[in-house]
Amino acid sequence: QVQLVESGGGLVQAGGSLRLSCAASGSIFRINDMDWYRQAPGKQRELVAEIRSGGTTNYADSVKGRFTISRDNFKNTVYLQMNSLKPEDTAVYYCHAPLFGSWGQGTQVTVSS
């Protein structure tokens, strides 16, 4: 089992930036794929970005060119750099390890207009 702990959420004005972090327990982190999801009020949870163990990344169309997912295997941490934030990015953001079905507790991101 992998435990995930997110941090870095907060309140930011439209056009601003935030960086989310997800710290994972266990030395197997570096060989696993990792995802970021988000869930806005009244909406289904959606995939935002994913990074494979080899470094390949994929993004939802709504965040392409604005968000960047990365990982530091020595720190067992995955990041989500969010730039040019929009009010529609407001959601709880979750870190996810698909191989283990593990989810973090979520971190709130609120973007004001």
N, C-alpha and C. Protein backbone atom coordinates (compact mmCIF):
# COMPACT_ATOMS: atom_id res chain seq x y z
N GLN A 1 0.84 -1.19 0.00
CA GLN A 1 0.00 0.00 0.00
C GLN A 1 0.88 1.24 0.00
N VAL A 2 0.48 2.23 -0.78
CA VAL A 2 1.21 3.49 -0.87
C VAL A 2 0.36 4.57 -0.20
N GLN A 3 0.96 5.34 0.66
CA GLN A 3 0.27 6.48 1.27
C GLN A 3 0.69 7.76 0.59
N LEU A 4 -0.29 8.62 0.32
CA LEU A 4 -0.05 9.86 -0.42
C LEU A 4 -0.54 11.04 0.41
N VAL A 5 0.27 12.10 0.46
CA VAL A 5 -0.09 13.30 1.21
C VAL A 5 0.13 14.52 0.31
N GLU A 6 -0.96 15.23 -0.01
CA GLU A 6 -0.87 16.42 -0.85
C GLU A 6 -0.68 17.67 0.00
N SER A 7 -0.10 18.69 -0.63
CA SER A 7 0.02 20.01 -0.02
C SER A 7 0.16 21.05 -1.12
N GLY A 8 0.01 22.32 -0.73
CA GLY A 8 0.26 23.40 -1.67
C GLY A 8 -0.97 24.11 -2.21
N GLY A 9 -2.16 23.63 -1.83
CA GLY A 9 -3.36 24.31 -2.29
C GLY A 9 -3.55 25.65 -1.60
N GLY A 10 -4.55 26.40 -2.07
CA GLY A 10 -4.83 27.69 -1.46
C GLY A 10 -5.72 28.53 -2.33
N LEU A 11 -5.79 29.81 -1.97
CA LEU A 11 -6.60 30.79 -2.70
C LEU A 11 -5.68 31.67 -3.53
N VAL A 12 -6.02 31.82 -4.80
CA VAL A 12 -5.20 32.62 -5.70
C VAL A 12 -6.11 33.36 -6.67
N GLN A 13 -5.67 34.50 -7.14
CA GLN A 13 -6.44 35.25 -8.13
C GLN A 13 -6.25 34.65 -9.52
N ALA A 14 -7.22 34.88 -10.36
CA ALA A 14 -7.12 34.42 -11.75
C ALA A 14 -5.84 34.95 -12.38
N GLY A 15 -5.15 34.07 -13.11
CA GLY A 15 -3.88 34.43 -13.72
C GLY A 15 -2.69 34.07 -12.87
N GLY A 16 -2.94 33.71 -11.62
CA GLY A 16 -1.85 33.36 -10.71
C GLY A 16 -1.39 31.93 -10.86
N SER A 17 -0.48 31.53 -9.96
CA SER A 17 0.13 30.21 -10.01
C SER A 17 0.13 29.55 -8.64
N LEU A 18 0.10 28.23 -8.66
CA LEU A 18 0.28 27.42 -7.46
C LEU A 18 1.07 26.18 -7.84
N ARG A 19 1.78 25.63 -6.88
CA ARG A 19 2.43 24.35 -7.09
C ARG A 19 1.96 23.37 -6.03
N LEU A 20 1.37 22.29 -6.47
CA LEU A 20 0.93 21.23 -5.57
C LEU A 20 2.03 20.17 -5.46
N SER A 21 2.12 19.60 -4.27
CA SER A 21 3.07 18.52 -4.03
C SER A 21 2.34 17.31 -3.50
N CYS A 22 2.85 16.13 -3.84
CA CYS A 22 2.30 14.88 -3.34
C CYS A 22 3.46 14.00 -2.90
N ALA A 23 3.56 13.80 -1.60
CA ALA A 23 4.62 12.97 -1.05
C ALA A 23 4.10 11.54 -0.88
N ALA A 24 4.85 10.60 -1.43
CA ALA A 24 4.44 9.19 -1.39
C ALA A 24 5.36 8.39 -0.49
N SER A 25 4.78 7.48 0.26
CA SER A 25 5.57 6.59 1.10
C SER A 25 6.02 5.40 0.27
N GLY A 26 7.11 4.80 0.65
CA GLY A 26 7.53 3.59 -0.03
C GLY A 26 8.56 3.84 -1.12
N SER A 27 9.58 3.03 -1.18
CA SER A 27 10.64 3.20 -2.16
C SER A 27 10.23 2.77 -3.55
N ILE A 28 9.05 2.18 -3.71
CA ILE A 28 8.61 1.75 -5.03
C ILE A 28 8.04 2.90 -5.84
N PHE A 29 8.01 4.07 -5.27
CA PHE A 29 7.44 5.23 -5.95
C PHE A 29 8.01 5.42 -7.34
N ARG A 30 9.34 5.25 -7.46
CA ARG A 30 10.02 5.61 -8.70
C ARG A 30 9.65 4.68 -9.85
N ILE A 31 9.04 3.55 -9.57
CA ILE A 31 8.70 2.64 -10.66
C ILE A 31 7.22 2.66 -10.97
N ASN A 32 6.52 3.62 -10.42
CA ASN A 32 5.08 3.64 -10.62
C ASN A 32 4.60 4.91 -11.30
N ASP A 33 3.51 4.74 -12.05
CA ASP A 33 2.82 5.87 -12.63
C ASP A 33 2.11 6.65 -11.53
N MET A 34 1.95 7.96 -11.75
CA MET A 34 1.26 8.81 -10.78
C MET A 34 0.34 9.77 -11.54
N ASP A 35 -0.80 10.09 -10.91
CA ASP A 35 -1.79 10.97 -11.54
C ASP A 35 -2.19 12.10 -10.59
N TRP A 36 -2.70 13.17 -11.17
CA TRP A 36 -3.43 14.21 -10.44
C TRP A 36 -4.85 14.25 -10.99
N TYR A 37 -5.81 14.23 -10.09
CA TYR A 37 -7.21 14.38 -10.43
C TYR A 37 -7.75 15.62 -9.72
N ARG A 38 -8.92 16.07 -10.14
CA ARG A 38 -9.60 17.14 -9.42
C ARG A 38 -11.10 16.90 -9.45
N GLN A 39 -11.75 17.46 -8.43
CA GLN A 39 -13.20 17.35 -8.35
C GLN A 39 -13.78 18.68 -7.90
N ALA A 40 -14.57 19.28 -8.77
CA ALA A 40 -15.25 20.53 -8.46
C ALA A 40 -16.61 20.21 -7.85
N PRO A 41 -17.18 21.15 -7.10
CA PRO A 41 -18.49 20.92 -6.48
C PRO A 41 -19.55 20.53 -7.50
N GLY A 42 -20.24 19.44 -7.25
CA GLY A 42 -21.31 19.01 -8.13
C GLY A 42 -20.86 18.32 -9.41
N LYS A 43 -19.55 18.09 -9.53
CA LYS A 43 -19.02 17.46 -10.74
C LYS A 43 -18.28 16.17 -10.40
N GLN A 44 -18.09 15.35 -11.43
CA GLN A 44 -17.35 14.11 -11.24
C GLN A 44 -15.85 14.40 -11.16
N ARG A 45 -15.15 13.50 -10.49
CA ARG A 45 -13.69 13.62 -10.43
C ARG A 45 -13.14 13.40 -11.83
N GLU A 46 -12.17 14.23 -12.22
CA GLU A 46 -11.61 14.14 -13.56
C GLU A 46 -10.09 14.10 -13.51
N LEU A 47 -9.52 13.39 -14.50
CA LEU A 47 -8.07 13.31 -14.60
C LEU A 47 -7.52 14.62 -15.14
N VAL A 48 -6.53 15.15 -14.46
CA VAL A 48 -5.89 16.41 -14.86
C VAL A 48 -4.58 16.14 -15.59
N ALA A 49 -3.74 15.29 -14.99
CA ALA A 49 -2.43 15.03 -15.57
C ALA A 49 -1.92 13.69 -15.06
N GLU A 50 -1.07 13.08 -15.86
CA GLU A 50 -0.47 11.81 -15.47
C GLU A 50 0.99 11.79 -15.89
N ILE A 51 1.79 11.08 -15.10
CA ILE A 51 3.20 10.92 -15.43
C ILE A 51 3.56 9.47 -15.24
N ARG A 52 4.17 8.90 -16.26
CA ARG A 52 4.54 7.50 -16.21
C ARG A 52 5.91 7.35 -15.56
N SER A 53 6.24 6.14 -15.20
CA SER A 53 7.51 5.89 -14.51
C SER A 53 8.69 6.33 -15.36
N GLY A 54 8.55 6.26 -16.68
CA GLY A 54 9.64 6.67 -17.58
C GLY A 54 9.68 8.15 -17.86
N GLY A 55 8.68 8.88 -17.35
CA GLY A 55 8.66 10.33 -17.50
C GLY A 55 7.67 10.86 -18.51
N THR A 56 7.02 9.99 -19.27
CA THR A 56 6.02 10.45 -20.23
C THR A 56 4.85 11.09 -19.51
N THR A 57 4.35 12.21 -20.05
CA THR A 57 3.25 12.93 -19.42
C THR A 57 2.07 13.09 -20.38
N ASN A 58 0.90 13.21 -19.79
CA ASN A 58 -0.33 13.48 -20.54
C ASN A 58 -1.19 14.44 -19.72
N TYR A 59 -1.96 15.26 -20.42
CA TYR A 59 -2.76 16.28 -19.76
C TYR A 59 -4.18 16.32 -20.32
N ALA A 60 -5.10 16.73 -19.48
CA ALA A 60 -6.44 17.04 -19.95
C ALA A 60 -6.36 18.25 -20.86
N ASP A 61 -7.23 18.29 -21.85
CA ASP A 61 -7.20 19.40 -22.81
C ASP A 61 -7.38 20.74 -22.11
N SER A 62 -8.15 20.76 -21.05
CA SER A 62 -8.47 22.01 -20.36
C SER A 62 -7.27 22.63 -19.66
N VAL A 63 -6.20 21.85 -19.44
CA VAL A 63 -5.05 22.39 -18.70
C VAL A 63 -3.76 22.38 -19.53
N LYS A 64 -3.83 21.85 -20.74
CA LYS A 64 -2.63 21.80 -21.59
C LYS A 64 -2.05 23.19 -21.79
N GLY A 65 -0.73 23.28 -21.64
CA GLY A 65 -0.06 24.55 -21.82
C GLY A 65 -0.03 25.42 -20.58
N ARG A 66 -0.81 25.03 -19.55
CA ARG A 66 -0.85 25.81 -18.30
C ARG A 66 -0.33 25.01 -17.11
N PHE A 67 -0.57 23.71 -17.10
CA PHE A 67 -0.14 22.86 -15.98
C PHE A 67 1.02 21.98 -16.41
N THR A 68 1.89 21.69 -15.46
CA THR A 68 3.01 20.79 -15.71
C THR A 68 3.15 19.80 -14.55
N ILE A 69 3.14 18.52 -14.88
CA ILE A 69 3.35 17.48 -13.87
C ILE A 69 4.80 17.03 -13.94
N SER A 70 5.40 16.80 -12.77
CA SER A 70 6.79 16.36 -12.72
C SER A 70 6.97 15.49 -11.48
N ARG A 71 8.12 14.82 -11.40
CA ARG A 71 8.36 13.96 -10.25
C ARG A 71 9.82 14.05 -9.85
N ASP A 72 10.06 13.86 -8.56
CA ASP A 72 11.41 13.77 -8.02
C ASP A 72 11.50 12.42 -7.33
N ASN A 73 12.14 11.48 -8.00
CA ASN A 73 12.16 10.11 -7.48
C ASN A 73 12.99 9.98 -6.20
N PHE A 74 13.94 10.87 -6.02
CA PHE A 74 14.74 10.81 -4.79
C PHE A 74 13.94 11.27 -3.58
N LYS A 75 13.00 12.17 -3.82
CA LYS A 75 12.16 12.68 -2.73
C LYS A 75 10.81 11.97 -2.67
N ASN A 76 10.59 11.01 -3.57
CA ASN A 76 9.29 10.31 -3.62
C ASN A 76 8.13 11.30 -3.71
N THR A 77 8.29 12.30 -4.54
CA THR A 77 7.30 13.36 -4.61
C THR A 77 6.94 13.65 -6.07
N VAL A 78 5.65 13.89 -6.30
CA VAL A 78 5.18 14.32 -7.61
C VAL A 78 4.58 15.72 -7.44
N TYR A 79 4.76 16.56 -8.44
CA TYR A 79 4.35 17.95 -8.38
C TYR A 79 3.35 18.26 -9.50
N LEU A 80 2.56 19.28 -9.25
CA LEU A 80 1.70 19.83 -10.30
C LEU A 80 1.86 21.35 -10.26
N GLN A 81 2.59 21.86 -11.23
CA GLN A 81 2.76 23.31 -11.36
C GLN A 81 1.59 23.85 -12.17
N MET A 82 0.84 24.77 -11.60
CA MET A 82 -0.35 25.31 -12.24
C MET A 82 -0.16 26.81 -12.47
N ASN A 83 -0.12 27.20 -13.72
CA ASN A 83 0.04 28.59 -14.11
C ASN A 83 -1.21 29.09 -14.82
N SER A 84 -1.32 30.40 -14.93
CA SER A 84 -2.46 31.03 -15.62
C SER A 84 -3.78 30.44 -15.14
N LEU A 85 -3.92 30.36 -13.84
CA LEU A 85 -5.11 29.73 -13.26
C LEU A 85 -6.37 30.50 -13.59
N LYS A 86 -7.45 29.73 -13.75
CA LYS A 86 -8.75 30.29 -14.08
C LYS A 86 -9.76 29.90 -12.99
N PRO A 87 -10.83 30.66 -12.84
CA PRO A 87 -11.84 30.28 -11.83
C PRO A 87 -12.36 28.86 -12.02
N GLU A 88 -12.43 28.39 -13.26
CA GLU A 88 -12.92 27.03 -13.50
C GLU A 88 -11.93 25.94 -13.07
N ASP A 89 -10.74 26.34 -12.64
CA ASP A 89 -9.79 25.38 -12.08
C ASP A 89 -10.07 25.12 -10.60
N THR A 90 -10.99 25.87 -10.02
CA THR A 90 -11.33 25.68 -8.62
C THR A 90 -11.86 24.27 -8.38
N ALA A 91 -11.22 23.55 -7.46
CA ALA A 91 -11.59 22.16 -7.18
C ALA A 91 -10.72 21.64 -6.03
N VAL A 92 -11.07 20.46 -5.56
CA VAL A 92 -10.17 19.72 -4.68
C VAL A 92 -9.29 18.86 -5.59
N TYR A 93 -7.99 18.95 -5.41
CA TYR A 93 -7.04 18.22 -6.23
C TYR A 93 -6.52 17.02 -5.43
N TYR A 94 -6.50 15.87 -6.11
CA TYR A 94 -6.10 14.61 -5.48
C TYR A 94 -4.93 13.99 -6.22
N CYS A 95 -4.03 13.45 -5.46
CA CYS A 95 -2.93 12.65 -5.99
C CYS A 95 -3.39 11.19 -6.02
N HIS A 96 -2.95 10.44 -7.02
CA HIS A 96 -3.43 9.08 -7.20
C HIS A 96 -2.31 8.18 -7.71
N ALA A 97 -2.19 7.00 -7.08
CA ALA A 97 -1.26 5.97 -7.54
C ALA A 97 -2.09 4.83 -8.12
N PRO A 98 -2.27 4.77 -9.43
CA PRO A 98 -3.22 3.82 -10.02
C PRO A 98 -2.90 2.35 -9.77
N LEU A 99 -1.62 2.01 -9.69
CA LEU A 99 -1.28 0.61 -9.50
C LEU A 99 -1.80 0.08 -8.17
N PHE A 100 -1.82 0.95 -7.16
CA PHE A 100 -2.24 0.54 -5.83
C PHE A 100 -3.65 1.00 -5.49
N GLY A 101 -4.23 1.82 -6.36
CA GLY A 101 -5.55 2.35 -6.05
C GLY A 101 -5.54 3.30 -4.88
N SER A 102 -4.41 3.93 -4.62
CA SER A 102 -4.27 4.82 -3.47
C SER A 102 -4.58 6.26 -3.86
N TRP A 103 -5.25 6.97 -2.94
CA TRP A 103 -5.59 8.38 -3.11
C TRP A 103 -5.10 9.16 -1.92
N GLY A 104 -4.69 10.41 -2.17
CA GLY A 104 -4.40 11.31 -1.09
C GLY A 104 -5.68 11.89 -0.51
N GLN A 105 -5.54 12.73 0.49
CA GLN A 105 -6.71 13.31 1.15
C GLN A 105 -7.29 14.49 0.39
N GLY A 106 -6.54 15.02 -0.55
CA GLY A 106 -6.99 16.15 -1.36
C GLY A 106 -6.52 17.48 -0.80
N THR A 107 -6.35 18.43 -1.68
CA THR A 107 -5.99 19.79 -1.29
C THR A 107 -6.84 20.77 -2.10
N GLN A 108 -7.41 21.75 -1.42
CA GLN A 108 -8.34 22.68 -2.06
C GLN A 108 -7.59 23.77 -2.82
N VAL A 109 -8.01 23.98 -4.05
CA VAL A 109 -7.51 25.09 -4.86
C VAL A 109 -8.71 25.97 -5.22
N THR A 110 -8.62 27.24 -4.87
CA THR A 110 -9.69 28.18 -5.16
C THR A 110 -9.11 29.34 -5.96
N VAL A 111 -9.69 29.60 -7.12
CA VAL A 111 -9.23 30.68 -7.98
C VAL A 111 -10.33 31.73 -8.07
N SER A 112 -10.02 32.93 -7.62
CA SER A 112 -11.01 34.00 -7.63
C SER A 112 -10.89 34.82 -8.91
N SER A 113 -12.02 35.35 -9.33
CA SER A 113 -12.03 36.13 -10.58
C SER A 113 -11.76 37.59 -10.31
